[in-house]
Structure formats: structure tokens, C-alpha cells
Amino acid sequence: MALRGPVKVSGWAFGEVLTSAQMTAVDILAGESIEGNSGTYGIEQLTAVNILSPHPPIPNDPTQWTGFAPTGVGCSVNTAEVLRWGLHVPNGCTITGWTFRLSGGIGHSALPADMPHVTLKRIDLSDIATSIGSQVTDTSATVGAYQAAHSISLSSLSEVVDTSTRRYFLQLTTESGANATSGTRPLGCYVTVTIDKLDPRG
């Protein structure tokens, strides 16, 4: 059989070998039999799994953007525009980090006074948004590094995903202030997750 999505039954420990009774319970939950259920299955934890967002980014004000990578030139202004990038994450997994790829527009004489920053957010069924972890500001040290493709990232999170009541997105705020230019290009993003799964052991 193929079990889709993360599986972690209450009371089962990671690395535990399942008994025939536990496998029967899984059979009932899955509505089909585990092939060769005279064998054994255990709970295995997959760590550091990167899931690239398949969704297009959504700007707060579409009139301030002229397209996205690979062909678009990005943000058309230099005044802290907001863009949200929806994430597709399996229910029950744990988000441990994220990475946002971008490049600054060309033509900077110096680094912007207010560099781009990114925050992971979740929004519930009451339309209440909550930040997960801290806001992370672009730490590019030179204009050359900033204008090239680079990453803003965060690790050491522990957000258990509940897709029945929440959705998740990364929010980018572009550069502004002295030395800011147009042309910020969001290139893509992904979350790093831990997923539990059944692992054949027999």
C-alpha cells in the first residue's frame, strides 16, 4: 500500500517496530491491507526535507510590480512594497526553517538604508495572521552581493503544521530609504520540514 502524508499515531515512538495489531489498526485507518503484513514496520523521521513553493507570489499592490523571475524585472518602485508567497506543506509536519531567494535591482550606488526583510506567517480561519519566528533582514555586505541572487533564511523553528485551520506564507518587504532603487526580484522560496513516515523493517 502507499500511505500518503505524514503518519504519527499517538503512543508510537520513533524507531518503534509495529506489532501485527498496530499494523491491523493502520490497515483499518487506511482502508486497505499492508502488503506482506507478516513483516514489520517502524516509525521513521525524515529531517531537513526542503519543499519548494509551487505557488506564484502575490503582491500587496500589483501595480507596483512588472513581473517575476525568470523574465520579469520585479518591483518597479523603491518604497517598501509587500509581497506574499504561499507555501505548500504537508499536514502534521514540523517547519524547522525557511529560505527566500531574491536579487536586488541593478544600479545601487550603495546598499539601501532599509534592506529587504522576510517573515514566515500563518493565517487562521478568522483571518488573523501570526508571525512564526523572527523577521529576518537581508545581510548582504556589498552592493555586488546584494544585486546577485542570494538568500534570506531562518532556522531553528518548531512550527507544527495544521492545514485544517491554517495556511502559511513567506512575506517579503522590499528595500526603501536612502540608496534604494527599483528592481528587487523575488526568485523563489522553500521551507525545511521534518516529516514522520512508516518505514518497512522486515
Protein backbone atom coordinates (compact mmCIF):
# COMPACT_ATOMS: atom_id res chain seq x y z
CA MET A 1 0.00 0.00 0.00
CA ALA A 2 1.03 3.62 -0.24
CA LEU A 3 0.39 5.77 2.82
CA ARG A 4 0.06 9.37 1.76
CA GLY A 5 1.14 12.14 4.09
CA PRO A 6 2.90 12.02 7.45
CA VAL A 7 1.86 9.31 9.89
CA LYS A 8 2.41 9.52 13.65
CA VAL A 9 -0.07 7.64 15.79
CA SER A 10 -0.30 8.74 19.41
CA GLY A 11 1.74 6.48 21.67
CA TRP A 12 4.05 5.21 18.95
CA ALA A 13 7.69 6.16 19.39
CA PHE A 14 10.16 6.97 16.64
CA GLY A 15 12.07 3.82 15.72
CA GLU A 16 9.44 1.57 17.29
CA VAL A 17 8.72 -1.71 15.49
CA LEU A 18 4.99 -2.06 14.99
CA THR A 19 3.18 -5.15 16.19
CA SER A 20 0.72 -7.04 14.00
CA ALA A 21 -2.10 -5.43 16.00
CA GLN A 22 -0.75 -1.96 15.24
CA MET A 23 -0.42 -2.84 11.56
CA THR A 24 -4.01 -4.07 11.58
CA ALA A 25 -5.04 -0.72 13.03
CA VAL A 26 -3.19 1.01 10.20
CA ASP A 27 -4.96 -1.29 7.73
CA ILE A 28 -8.30 -0.19 9.12
CA LEU A 29 -7.37 3.51 9.07
CA ALA A 30 -6.03 3.27 5.54
CA GLY A 31 -8.91 1.15 4.27
CA GLU A 32 -6.59 -1.37 2.63
CA SER A 33 -4.07 -4.02 3.59
CA ILE A 34 -0.36 -3.61 4.06
CA GLU A 35 1.27 -5.96 1.60
CA GLY A 36 3.05 -8.77 3.39
CA ASN A 37 1.89 -7.68 6.82
CA SER A 38 3.74 -10.56 8.39
CA GLY A 39 6.72 -8.20 8.15
CA THR A 40 7.40 -5.26 10.44
CA TYR A 41 7.05 -1.50 10.07
CA GLY A 42 8.58 1.26 12.15
CA ILE A 43 8.14 4.99 12.55
CA GLU A 44 10.92 6.91 10.80
CA GLN A 45 11.50 10.64 10.98
CA LEU A 46 12.70 12.41 7.83
CA THR A 47 14.57 15.61 8.70
CA ALA A 48 15.73 18.58 6.63
CA VAL A 49 13.28 17.99 3.78
CA ASN A 50 13.09 21.09 1.57
CA ILE A 51 9.74 21.84 -0.09
CA LEU A 52 9.81 24.46 -2.84
CA SER A 53 6.71 26.61 -3.09
CA PRO A 54 4.74 25.76 -6.26
CA HIS A 55 2.62 28.91 -5.98
CA PRO A 56 3.11 32.26 -7.70
CA PRO A 57 3.91 35.22 -5.44
CA ILE A 58 1.08 37.64 -4.63
CA PRO A 59 1.98 41.34 -4.34
CA ASN A 60 0.06 43.59 -1.97
CA ASP A 61 -0.19 46.17 -4.78
CA PRO A 62 0.12 44.55 -8.23
CA THR A 63 0.55 47.95 -9.90
CA GLN A 64 3.98 48.26 -8.26
CA TRP A 65 5.36 45.10 -9.90
CA THR A 66 6.27 44.47 -13.53
CA GLY A 67 6.64 40.70 -13.45
CA PHE A 68 8.61 37.98 -11.72
CA ALA A 69 11.55 35.68 -12.42
CA PRO A 70 12.69 34.39 -14.78
CA THR A 71 11.56 37.08 -17.24
CA GLY A 72 10.04 39.85 -15.12
CA VAL A 73 12.07 42.74 -13.71
CA GLY A 74 10.39 42.64 -10.30
CA CYS A 75 9.40 45.57 -8.12
CA SER A 76 9.01 48.81 -10.08
CA VAL A 77 9.35 51.18 -7.09
CA ASN A 78 11.75 51.68 -4.17
CA THR A 79 9.24 52.19 -1.36
CA ALA A 80 8.95 49.05 0.80
CA GLU A 81 6.42 47.05 -1.19
CA VAL A 82 4.98 43.85 0.33
CA LEU A 83 4.77 40.50 -1.42
CA ARG A 84 3.42 37.21 -0.04
CA TRP A 85 4.49 33.77 -1.26
CA GLY A 86 2.14 30.92 -0.32
CA LEU A 87 3.65 27.66 0.94
CA HIS A 88 2.51 24.08 0.33
CA VAL A 89 3.36 21.96 3.39
CA PRO A 90 2.04 18.53 4.47
CA ASN A 91 -0.36 18.45 7.40
CA GLY A 92 1.33 17.30 10.60
CA CYS A 93 4.89 18.04 9.54
CA THR A 94 7.07 20.46 11.52
CA ILE A 95 8.53 23.56 9.87
CA THR A 96 12.11 23.94 11.08
CA GLY A 97 13.27 26.72 8.76
CA TRP A 98 12.81 28.59 5.51
CA THR A 99 14.81 30.19 2.70
CA PHE A 100 13.80 33.06 0.41
CA ARG A 101 15.81 33.72 -2.77
CA LEU A 102 15.99 37.19 -4.31
CA SER A 103 18.23 39.71 -6.01
CA GLY A 104 18.38 43.47 -5.63
CA GLY A 105 17.86 45.77 -8.59
CA ILE A 106 20.88 46.99 -10.53
CA GLY A 107 22.34 50.48 -10.25
CA HIS A 108 22.84 50.88 -6.50
CA SER A 109 25.50 53.41 -5.52
CA ALA A 110 25.48 51.92 -2.01
CA LEU A 111 23.40 49.46 -0.03
CA PRO A 112 19.85 50.64 0.74
CA ALA A 113 19.30 52.20 4.15
CA ASP A 114 16.42 49.81 4.76
CA MET A 115 17.24 46.37 3.38
CA PRO A 116 14.57 43.82 2.40
CA HIS A 117 13.23 41.61 5.16
CA VAL A 118 11.21 38.40 5.26
CA THR A 119 8.85 36.86 7.83
CA LEU A 120 7.12 33.46 7.96
CA LYS A 121 3.44 33.88 8.76
CA ARG A 122 0.39 31.71 9.29
CA ILE A 123 -3.20 32.85 8.92
CA ASP A 124 -6.18 31.14 10.56
CA LEU A 125 -9.84 30.81 9.64
CA SER A 126 -10.60 34.08 11.44
CA ASP A 127 -8.18 35.86 9.06
CA ILE A 128 -5.74 36.51 11.90
CA ALA A 129 -2.09 36.50 10.82
CA THR A 130 0.65 35.41 13.25
CA SER A 131 4.40 35.70 12.71
CA ILE A 132 6.38 32.48 13.23
CA GLY A 133 9.89 33.18 14.46
CA SER A 134 11.63 36.47 13.90
CA GLN A 135 11.71 38.86 10.98
CA VAL A 136 14.98 38.37 9.07
CA THR A 137 16.69 41.28 7.31
CA ASP A 138 18.93 40.89 4.26
CA THR A 139 22.55 40.86 5.47
CA SER A 140 24.33 41.32 2.13
CA ALA A 141 27.66 43.01 2.87
CA THR A 142 28.31 44.59 -0.53
CA VAL A 143 26.33 46.02 -3.43
CA GLY A 144 27.64 43.23 -5.67
CA ALA A 145 26.44 40.53 -3.30
CA TYR A 146 23.06 42.24 -2.90
CA GLN A 147 22.44 42.63 -6.63
CA ALA A 148 23.33 38.97 -7.29
CA ALA A 149 20.96 36.11 -6.49
CA HIS A 150 21.21 35.38 -2.75
CA SER A 151 19.22 34.05 0.20
CA ILE A 152 17.49 35.32 3.31
CA SER A 153 16.86 32.41 5.67
CA LEU A 154 15.92 31.31 9.17
CA SER A 155 16.37 28.01 11.03
CA SER A 156 15.65 26.56 14.50
CA LEU A 157 11.87 26.84 14.16
CA SER A 158 9.40 24.29 15.52
CA GLU A 159 6.03 25.04 13.92
CA VAL A 160 3.69 22.02 13.71
CA VAL A 161 1.58 22.41 10.57
CA ASP A 162 -2.20 22.22 10.80
CA THR A 163 -3.66 22.68 7.33
CA SER A 164 -7.21 22.12 8.57
CA THR A 165 -7.26 25.55 10.21
CA ARG A 166 -4.20 27.44 8.94
CA ARG A 167 -2.35 28.40 5.81
CA TYR A 168 1.25 29.56 5.61
CA PHE A 169 3.22 32.10 3.59
CA LEU A 170 6.52 33.99 3.50
CA GLN A 171 6.15 37.77 3.43
CA LEU A 172 8.80 39.92 1.74
CA THR A 173 9.09 43.67 2.29
CA THR A 174 11.37 45.25 -0.31
CA GLU A 175 14.12 47.84 0.17
CA SER A 176 13.47 51.51 0.89
CA GLY A 177 15.15 54.65 2.20
CA ALA A 178 18.40 56.23 1.03
CA ASN A 179 20.10 54.49 -1.92
CA ALA A 180 17.05 52.32 -2.63
CA THR A 181 16.24 51.53 -6.27
CA SER A 182 13.52 49.64 -8.09
CA GLY A 183 14.07 46.17 -9.49
CA THR A 184 14.01 43.84 -6.45
CA ARG A 185 13.41 40.36 -7.89
CA PRO A 186 11.89 37.54 -5.79
CA LEU A 187 13.29 34.31 -7.23
CA GLY A 188 11.69 31.55 -5.17
CA CYS A 189 11.36 30.17 -1.67
CA TYR A 190 11.17 26.92 0.25
CA VAL A 191 10.50 25.63 3.75
CA THR A 192 12.54 23.00 5.55
CA VAL A 193 10.43 20.45 7.40
CA THR A 194 10.55 17.27 9.48
CA ILE A 195 8.11 14.55 8.37
CA ASP A 196 7.15 11.29 10.09
CA LYS A 197 6.53 8.19 7.96
CA LEU A 198 6.13 4.42 8.15
CA ASP A 199 9.31 2.57 7.27
CA PRO A 200 9.43 -1.16 6.31
CA ARG A 201 11.60 -3.12 8.73
CA GLY A 202 11.02 -6.76 7.78
